[in-house]
Amino acid sequence: ELKPSMRLECLTPDFNGTSGLDGVATVASAGLDVYAHNIETVERLQGSVRDRRAGYRESIGVLEHARSVNPSLVTKTSTILGFGE
């Protein structure tokens, strides 16, 4: 049974090394309500806190691309606190 009040959120990777921005576009246009992609921490701490294959600017670009593909899509991110922000 469908529940119109239920919202669908997807926490995504950056698709780096796989489908790239095409993967972002596929998920963003798949009918979900919220596109989530975690930045993890502030830009200056990225190298010491986050996997070095991922970058702050790259993550911002993922969220921007998702929104450009589907302007009505809610985008969100999460951060980890306590690293000296």
PDB file of N, CA and C in Angstrom:
ATOM      1  N   GLU A   1       0.846  -1.177   0.000  1.00  0.00           N
ATOM      2  CA  GLU A   1       0.000   0.000   0.000  1.00  0.00           C
ATOM      3  C   GLU A   1       0.891   1.241   0.000  1.00  0.00           C
ATOM      4  N   LEU A   2       0.581   2.215  -0.853  1.00  0.00           N
ATOM      5  CA  LEU A   2       1.341   3.461  -0.914  1.00  0.00           C
ATOM      6  C   LEU A   2       0.958   4.370   0.243  1.00  0.00           C
ATOM      7  N   LYS A   3       1.940   5.072   0.765  1.00  0.00           N
ATOM      8  CA  LYS A   3       1.709   6.038   1.839  1.00  0.00           C
ATOM      9  C   LYS A   3       2.222   7.388   1.365  1.00  0.00           C
ATOM     10  N   PRO A   4       1.349   8.270   0.924  1.00  0.00           N
ATOM     11  CA  PRO A   4       1.779   9.575   0.416  1.00  0.00           C
ATOM     12  C   PRO A   4       2.574  10.401   1.428  1.00  0.00           C
ATOM     13  N   SER A   5       2.372  10.152   2.715  1.00  0.00           N
ATOM     14  CA  SER A   5       3.094  10.920   3.731  1.00  0.00           C
ATOM     15  C   SER A   5       4.532  10.424   3.930  1.00  0.00           C
ATOM     16  N   MET A   6       4.863   9.269   3.394  1.00  0.00           N
ATOM     17  CA  MET A   6       6.204   8.720   3.538  1.00  0.00           C
ATOM     18  C   MET A   6       7.142   9.367   2.519  1.00  0.00           C
ATOM     19  N   ARG A   7       8.352   9.690   2.962  1.00  0.00           N
ATOM     20  CA  ARG A   7       9.356  10.292   2.092  1.00  0.00           C
ATOM     21  C   ARG A   7      10.503   9.311   1.887  1.00  0.00           C
ATOM     22  N   LEU A   8      11.102   9.356   0.713  1.00  0.00           N
ATOM     23  CA  LEU A   8      12.201   8.463   0.380  1.00  0.00           C
ATOM     24  C   LEU A   8      13.502   9.251   0.316  1.00  0.00           C
ATOM     25  N   GLU A   9      14.476   8.829   1.115  1.00  0.00           N
ATOM     26  CA  GLU A   9      15.790   9.466   1.144  1.00  0.00           C
ATOM     27  C   GLU A   9      16.837   8.426   0.762  1.00  0.00           C
ATOM     28  N   CYS A  10      17.843   8.866   0.020  1.00  0.00           N
ATOM     29  CA  CYS A  10      18.922   7.967  -0.363  1.00  0.00           C
ATOM     30  C   CYS A  10      20.258   8.609   0.017  1.00  0.00           C
ATOM     31  N   LEU A  11      21.047   7.923   0.836  1.00  0.00           N
ATOM     32  CA  LEU A  11      22.400   8.350   1.179  1.00  0.00           C
ATOM     33  C   LEU A  11      23.333   7.746   0.145  1.00  0.00           C
ATOM     34  N   THR A  12      24.015   8.596  -0.594  1.00  0.00           N
ATOM     35  CA  THR A  12      24.785   8.143  -1.749  1.00  0.00           C
ATOM     36  C   THR A  12      26.291   8.316  -1.578  1.00  0.00           C
ATOM     37  N   PRO A  13      27.056   7.530  -2.334  1.00  0.00           N
ATOM     38  CA  PRO A  13      28.497   7.772  -2.442  1.00  0.00           C
ATOM     39  C   PRO A  13      28.721   8.885  -3.465  1.00  0.00           C
ATOM     40  N   ASP A  14      29.983   9.200  -3.746  1.00  0.00           N
ATOM     41  CA  ASP A  14      30.260  10.213  -4.768  1.00  0.00           C
ATOM     42  C   ASP A  14      30.360   9.601  -6.167  1.00  0.00           C
ATOM     43  N   PHE A  15      30.282   8.291  -6.251  1.00  0.00           N
ATOM     44  CA  PHE A  15      30.378   7.556  -7.515  1.00  0.00           C
ATOM     45  C   PHE A  15      31.705   7.774  -8.219  1.00  0.00           C
ATOM     46  N   ASN A  16      32.696   8.261  -7.497  1.00  0.00           N
ATOM     47  CA  ASN A  16      34.028   8.472  -8.053  1.00  0.00           C
ATOM     48  C   ASN A  16      34.622   7.118  -8.434  1.00  0.00           C
ATOM     49  N   GLY A  17      35.121   7.023  -9.628  1.00  0.00           N
ATOM     50  CA  GLY A  17      35.727   5.779 -10.074  1.00  0.00           C
ATOM     51  C   GLY A  17      34.731   4.782 -10.643  1.00  0.00           C
ATOM     52  N   THR A  18      33.459   5.105 -10.585  1.00  0.00           N
ATOM     53  CA  THR A  18      32.461   4.215 -11.190  1.00  0.00           C
ATOM     54  C   THR A  18      31.706   4.997 -12.251  1.00  0.00           C
ATOM     55  N   SER A  19      30.499   5.416 -11.935  1.00  0.00           N
ATOM     56  CA  SER A  19      29.683   6.100 -12.943  1.00  0.00           C
ATOM     57  C   SER A  19      29.757   7.617 -12.864  1.00  0.00           C
ATOM     58  N   GLY A  20      30.464   8.165 -11.888  1.00  0.00           N
ATOM     59  CA  GLY A  20      30.640   9.607 -11.778  1.00  0.00           C
ATOM     60  C   GLY A  20      29.330  10.373 -11.715  1.00  0.00           C
ATOM     61  N   LEU A  21      29.300  11.530 -12.360  1.00  0.00           N
ATOM     62  CA  LEU A  21      28.106  12.371 -12.310  1.00  0.00           C
ATOM     63  C   LEU A  21      26.909  11.732 -12.997  1.00  0.00           C
ATOM     64  N   ASP A  22      27.156  10.788 -13.898  1.00  0.00           N
ATOM     65  CA  ASP A  22      26.030  10.045 -14.489  1.00  0.00           C
ATOM     66  C   ASP A  22      25.304   9.242 -13.416  1.00  0.00           C
ATOM     67  N   GLY A  23      26.042   8.677 -12.482  1.00  0.00           N
ATOM     68  CA  GLY A  23      25.444   7.941 -11.374  1.00  0.00           C
ATOM     69  C   GLY A  23      24.651   8.856 -10.465  1.00  0.00           C
ATOM     70  N   VAL A  24      25.194  10.037 -10.206  1.00  0.00           N
ATOM     71  CA  VAL A  24      24.472  11.038  -9.412  1.00  0.00           C
ATOM     72  C   VAL A  24      23.153  11.369 -10.091  1.00  0.00           C
ATOM     73  N   ALA A  25      23.190  11.613 -11.392  1.00  0.00           N
ATOM     74  CA  ALA A  25      21.984  11.955 -12.146  1.00  0.00           C
ATOM     75  C   ALA A  25      20.962  10.829 -12.132  1.00  0.00           C
ATOM     76  N   THR A  26      21.422   9.601 -12.237  1.00  0.00           N
ATOM     77  CA  THR A  26      20.515   8.452 -12.214  1.00  0.00           C
ATOM     78  C   THR A  26      19.741   8.399 -10.900  1.00  0.00           C
ATOM     79  N   VAL A  27      20.450   8.543  -9.799  1.00  0.00           N
ATOM     80  CA  VAL A  27      19.788   8.491  -8.489  1.00  0.00           C
ATOM     81  C   VAL A  27      18.900   9.718  -8.286  1.00  0.00           C
ATOM     82  N   ALA A  28      19.397  10.897  -8.660  1.00  0.00           N
ATOM     83  CA  ALA A  28      18.640  12.138  -8.457  1.00  0.00           C
ATOM     84  C   ALA A  28      17.333  12.157  -9.239  1.00  0.00           C
ATOM     85  N   SER A  29      17.281  11.444 -10.325  1.00  0.00           N
ATOM     86  CA  SER A  29      16.068  11.432 -11.151  1.00  0.00           C
ATOM     87  C   SER A  29      15.230  10.170 -10.960  1.00  0.00           C
ATOM     88  N   ALA A  30      15.531   9.400  -9.921  1.00  0.00           N
ATOM     89  CA  ALA A  30      14.864   8.116  -9.708  1.00  0.00           C
ATOM     90  C   ALA A  30      13.568   8.201  -8.904  1.00  0.00           C
ATOM     91  N   GLY A  31      13.147   9.403  -8.526  1.00  0.00           N
ATOM     92  CA  GLY A  31      11.880   9.541  -7.823  1.00  0.00           C
ATOM     93  C   GLY A  31      11.989   9.687  -6.320  1.00  0.00           C
ATOM     94  N   LEU A  32      13.207   9.843  -5.798  1.00  0.00           N
ATOM     95  CA  LEU A  32      13.326  10.013  -4.358  1.00  0.00           C
ATOM     96  C   LEU A  32      13.015  11.453  -3.958  1.00  0.00           C
ATOM     97  N   ASP A  33      12.832  11.673  -2.665  1.00  0.00           N
ATOM     98  CA  ASP A  33      12.505  12.997  -2.141  1.00  0.00           C
ATOM     99  C   ASP A  33      13.728  13.740  -1.624  1.00  0.00           C
ATOM    100  N   VAL A  34      14.683  12.999  -1.062  1.00  0.00           N
ATOM    101  CA  VAL A  34      15.864  13.610  -0.449  1.00  0.00           C
ATOM    102  C   VAL A  34      17.116  12.898  -0.938  1.00  0.00           C
ATOM    103  N   TYR A  35      18.058  13.674  -1.459  1.00  0.00           N
ATOM    104  CA  TYR A  35      19.354  13.159  -1.917  1.00  0.00           C
ATOM    105  C   TYR A  35      20.367  13.543  -0.847  1.00  0.00           C
ATOM    106  N   ALA A  36      20.940  12.547  -0.182  1.00  0.00           N
ATOM    107  CA  ALA A  36      21.895  12.801   0.897  1.00  0.00           C
ATOM    108  C   ALA A  36      23.292  12.332   0.498  1.00  0.00           C
ATOM    109  N   HIS A  37      24.258  13.167   0.799  1.00  0.00           N
ATOM    110  CA  HIS A  37      25.666  12.825   0.543  1.00  0.00           C
ATOM    111  C   HIS A  37      26.484  13.504   1.635  1.00  0.00           C
ATOM    112  N   ASN A  38      27.225  12.735   2.411  1.00  0.00           N
ATOM    113  CA  ASN A  38      27.923  13.274   3.569  1.00  0.00           C
ATOM    114  C   ASN A  38      29.250  13.933   3.218  1.00  0.00           C
ATOM    115  N   ILE A  39      29.441  15.126   3.754  1.00  0.00           N
ATOM    116  CA  ILE A  39      30.699  15.863   3.596  1.00  0.00           C
ATOM    117  C   ILE A  39      31.685  15.460   4.689  1.00  0.00           C
ATOM    118  N   GLU A  40      31.186  15.046   5.824  1.00  0.00           N
ATOM    119  CA  GLU A  40      31.916  14.540   6.990  1.00  0.00           C
ATOM    120  C   GLU A  40      32.518  15.616   7.887  1.00  0.00           C
ATOM    121  N   THR A  41      33.252  16.597   7.337  1.00  0.00           N
ATOM    122  CA  THR A  41      33.871  17.612   8.182  1.00  0.00           C
ATOM    123  C   THR A  41      34.144  18.871   7.356  1.00  0.00           C
ATOM    124  N   VAL A  42      34.680  19.884   8.001  1.00  0.00           N
ATOM    125  CA  VAL A  42      34.993  21.133   7.312  1.00  0.00           C
ATOM    126  C   VAL A  42      36.134  20.906   6.320  1.00  0.00           C
ATOM    127  N   GLU A  43      36.242  21.794   5.371  1.00  0.00           N
ATOM    128  CA  GLU A  43      37.205  21.598   4.279  1.00  0.00           C
ATOM    129  C   GLU A  43      38.649  21.443   4.766  1.00  0.00           C
ATOM    130  N   ARG A  44      39.076  22.239   5.717  1.00  0.00           N
ATOM    131  CA  ARG A  44      40.482  22.185   6.146  1.00  0.00           C
ATOM    132  C   ARG A  44      40.860  20.889   6.861  1.00  0.00           C
ATOM    133  N   LEU A  45      39.876  20.128   7.339  1.00  0.00           N
ATOM    134  CA  LEU A  45      40.165  18.874   8.032  1.00  0.00           C
ATOM    135  C   LEU A  45      39.927  17.635   7.169  1.00  0.00           C
ATOM    136  N   GLN A  46      39.535  17.819   5.942  1.00  0.00           N
ATOM    137  CA  GLN A  46      39.205  16.691   5.079  1.00  0.00           C
ATOM    138  C   GLN A  46      40.335  15.664   4.984  1.00  0.00           C
ATOM    139  N   GLY A  47      41.541  16.123   4.767  1.00  0.00           N
ATOM    140  CA  GLY A  47      42.664  15.205   4.560  1.00  0.00           C
ATOM    141  C   GLY A  47      43.007  14.338   5.754  1.00  0.00           C
ATOM    142  N   SER A  48      42.725  14.827   6.965  1.00  0.00           N
ATOM    143  CA  SER A  48      43.071  14.047   8.152  1.00  0.00           C
ATOM    144  C   SER A  48      41.904  13.238   8.710  1.00  0.00           C
ATOM    145  N   VAL A  49      40.691  13.552   8.301  1.00  0.00           N
ATOM    146  CA  VAL A  49      39.512  12.891   8.853  1.00  0.00           C
ATOM    147  C   VAL A  49      38.858  11.934   7.860  1.00  0.00           C
ATOM    148  N   ARG A  50      38.882  12.291   6.614  1.00  0.00           N
ATOM    149  CA  ARG A  50      38.135  11.561   5.604  1.00  0.00           C
ATOM    150  C   ARG A  50      39.064  10.785   4.678  1.00  0.00           C
ATOM    151  N   ASP A  51      38.541   9.748   4.085  1.00  0.00           N
ATOM    152  CA  ASP A  51      39.275   8.993   3.076  1.00  0.00           C
ATOM    153  C   ASP A  51      39.801   9.969   2.017  1.00  0.00           C
ATOM    154  N   ARG A  52      41.069   9.911   1.733  1.00  0.00           N
ATOM    155  CA  ARG A  52      41.689  10.888   0.818  1.00  0.00           C
ATOM    156  C   ARG A  52      41.204  10.780  -0.625  1.00  0.00           C
ATOM    157  N   ARG A  53      40.505   9.703  -0.946  1.00  0.00           N
ATOM    158  CA  ARG A  53      39.931   9.588  -2.293  1.00  0.00           C
ATOM    159  C   ARG A  53      38.717  10.477  -2.463  1.00  0.00           C
ATOM    160  N   ALA A  54      38.164  10.955  -1.363  1.00  0.00           N
ATOM    161  CA  ALA A  54      36.993  11.828  -1.404  1.00  0.00           C
ATOM    162  C   ALA A  54      37.428  13.241  -1.026  1.00  0.00           C
ATOM    163  N   GLY A  55      36.785  14.228  -1.588  1.00  0.00           N
ATOM    164  CA  GLY A  55      37.151  15.603  -1.304  1.00  0.00           C
ATOM    165  C   GLY A  55      35.939  16.465  -1.012  1.00  0.00           C
ATOM    166  N   TYR A  56      36.182  17.515  -0.253  1.00  0.00           N
ATOM    167  CA  TYR A  56      35.130  18.450   0.131  1.00  0.00           C
ATOM    168  C   TYR A  56      34.467  19.054  -1.108  1.00  0.00           C
ATOM    169  N   ARG A  57      35.268  19.604  -2.003  1.00  0.00           N
ATOM    170  CA  ARG A  57      34.727  20.248  -3.225  1.00  0.00           C
ATOM    171  C   ARG A  57      34.007  19.235  -4.105  1.00  0.00           C
ATOM    172  N   GLU A  58      34.526  18.033  -4.158  1.00  0.00           N
ATOM    173  CA  GLU A  58      33.876  16.981  -4.938  1.00  0.00           C
ATOM    174  C   GLU A  58      32.489  16.677  -4.360  1.00  0.00           C
ATOM    175  N   SER A  59      32.402  16.607  -3.045  1.00  0.00           N
ATOM    176  CA  SER A  59      31.110  16.342  -2.401  1.00  0.00           C
ATOM    177  C   SER A  59      30.127  17.479  -2.619  1.00  0.00           C
ATOM    178  N   ILE A  60      30.599  18.699  -2.544  1.00  0.00           N
ATOM    179  CA  ILE A  60      29.731  19.845  -2.842  1.00  0.00           C
ATOM    180  C   ILE A  60      29.241  19.734  -4.287  1.00  0.00           C
ATOM    181  N   GLY A  61      30.137  19.355  -5.192  1.00  0.00           N
ATOM    182  CA  GLY A  61      29.765  19.181  -6.598  1.00  0.00           C
ATOM    183  C   GLY A  61      28.721  18.101  -6.803  1.00  0.00           C
ATOM    184  N   VAL A  62      28.802  17.021  -6.029  1.00  0.00           N
ATOM    185  CA  VAL A  62      27.804  15.950  -6.104  1.00  0.00           C
ATOM    186  C   VAL A  62      26.430  16.506  -5.747  1.00  0.00           C
ATOM    187  N   LEU A  63      26.349  17.240  -4.640  1.00  0.00           N
ATOM    188  CA  LEU A  63      25.068  17.810  -4.206  1.00  0.00           C
ATOM    189  C   LEU A  63      24.550  18.840  -5.211  1.00  0.00           C
ATOM    190  N   GLU A  64      25.440  19.669  -5.737  1.00  0.00           N
ATOM    191  CA  GLU A  64      25.025  20.655  -6.741  1.00  0.00           C
ATOM    192  C   GLU A  64      24.513  19.980  -8.006  1.00  0.00           C
ATOM    193  N   HIS A  65      25.183  18.914  -8.421  1.00  0.00           N
ATOM    194  CA  HIS A  65      24.760  18.212  -9.630  1.00  0.00           C
ATOM    195  C   HIS A  65      23.404  17.545  -9.431  1.00  0.00           C
ATOM    196  N   ALA A  66      23.212  16.936  -8.275  1.00  0.00           N
ATOM    197  CA  ALA A  66      21.914  16.314  -7.986  1.00  0.00           C
ATOM    198  C   ALA A  66      20.804  17.352  -8.073  1.00  0.00           C
ATOM    199  N   ARG A  67      21.044  18.526  -7.526  1.00  0.00           N
ATOM    200  CA  ARG A  67      20.036  19.594  -7.551  1.00  0.00           C
ATOM    201  C   ARG A  67      19.839  20.124  -8.973  1.00  0.00           C
ATOM    202  N   SER A  68      20.892  20.195  -9.761  1.00  0.00           N
ATOM    203  CA  SER A  68      20.742  20.691 -11.136  1.00  0.00           C
ATOM    204  C   SER A  68      19.945  19.714 -12.001  1.00  0.00           C
ATOM    205  N   VAL A  69      20.088  18.422 -11.727  1.00  0.00           N
ATOM    206  CA  VAL A  69      19.342  17.394 -12.455  1.00  0.00           C
ATOM    207  C   VAL A  69      17.868  17.425 -12.070  1.00  0.00           C
ATOM    208  N   ASN A  70      17.604  17.668 -10.789  1.00  0.00           N
ATOM    209  CA  ASN A  70      16.235  17.667 -10.283  1.00  0.00           C
ATOM    210  C   ASN A  70      16.076  18.843  -9.313  1.00  0.00           C
ATOM    211  N   PRO A  71      15.717  20.028  -9.822  1.00  0.00           N
ATOM    212  CA  PRO A  71      15.646  21.230  -8.984  1.00  0.00           C
ATOM    213  C   PRO A  71      14.678  21.149  -7.802  1.00  0.00           C
ATOM    214  N   SER A  72      13.705  20.264  -7.848  1.00  0.00           N
ATOM    215  CA  SER A  72      12.767  20.152  -6.726  1.00  0.00           C
ATOM    216  C   SER A  72      13.265  19.195  -5.644  1.00  0.00           C
ATOM    217  N   LEU A  73      14.380  18.549  -5.880  1.00  0.00           N
ATOM    218  CA  LEU A  73      14.938  17.577  -4.956  1.00  0.00           C
ATOM    219  C   LEU A  73      15.532  18.275  -3.729  1.00  0.00           C
ATOM    220  N   VAL A  74      15.248  17.752  -2.552  1.00  0.00           N
ATOM    221  CA  VAL A  74      15.894  18.236  -1.333  1.00  0.00           C
ATOM    222  C   VAL A  74      17.258  17.561  -1.254  1.00  0.00           C
ATOM    223  N   THR A  75      18.300  18.351  -1.045  1.00  0.00           N
ATOM    224  CA  THR A  75      19.637  17.789  -0.855  1.00  0.00           C
ATOM    225  C   THR A  75      20.062  18.067   0.576  1.00  0.00           C
ATOM    226  N   LYS A  76      20.828  17.136   1.143  1.00  0.00           N
ATOM    227  CA  LYS A  76      21.310  17.341   2.508  1.00  0.00           C
ATOM    228  C   LYS A  76      22.635  16.630   2.693  1.00  0.00           C
ATOM    229  N   THR A  77      23.336  17.033   3.741  1.00  0.00           N
ATOM    230  CA  THR A  77      24.598  16.417   4.089  1.00  0.00           C
ATOM    231  C   THR A  77      24.688  16.285   5.593  1.00  0.00           C
ATOM    232  N   SER A  78      25.674  15.551   6.046  1.00  0.00           N
ATOM    233  CA  SER A  78      25.937  15.413   7.476  1.00  0.00           C
ATOM    234  C   SER A  78      27.425  15.626   7.724  1.00  0.00           C
ATOM    235  N   THR A  79      27.720  16.062   8.922  1.00  0.00           N
ATOM    236  CA  THR A  79      29.112  16.255   9.308  1.00  0.00           C
ATOM    237  C   THR A  79      29.362  15.575  10.653  1.00  0.00           C
ATOM    238  N   ILE A  80      30.623  15.287  10.910  1.00  0.00           N
ATOM    239  CA  ILE A  80      31.058  14.745  12.181  1.00  0.00           C
ATOM    240  C   ILE A  80      31.663  15.915  12.953  1.00  0.00           C
ATOM    241  N   LEU A  81      31.283  16.107  14.191  1.00  0.00           N
ATOM    242  CA  LEU A  81      31.835  17.188  14.999  1.00  0.00           C
ATOM    243  C   LEU A  81      32.810  16.642  16.029  1.00  0.00           C
ATOM    244  N   GLY A  82      33.758  17.496  16.432  1.00  0.00           N
ATOM    245  CA  GLY A  82      34.678  17.121  17.484  1.00  0.00           C
ATOM    246  C   GLY A  82      36.109  16.927  17.036  1.00  0.00           C
ATOM    247  N   PHE A  83      36.455  17.424  15.862  1.00  0.00           N
ATOM    248  CA  PHE A  83      37.809  17.287  15.331  1.00  0.00           C
ATOM    249  C   PHE A  83      38.581  18.602  15.327  1.00  0.00           C
ATOM    250  N   GLY A  84      38.058  19.625  15.999  1.00  0.00           N
ATOM    251  CA  GLY A  84      38.731  20.909  16.044  1.00  0.00           C
ATOM    252  C   GLY A  84      38.211  21.919  15.048  1.00  0.00           C
ATOM    253  N   GLU A  85      36.962  21.761  14.674  1.00  0.00           N
ATOM    254  CA  GLU A  85      36.371  22.689  13.708  1.00  0.00           C
ATOM    255  C   GLU A  85      36.455  24.093  14.242  1.00  0.00           C
TER     256      GLU A  85
END
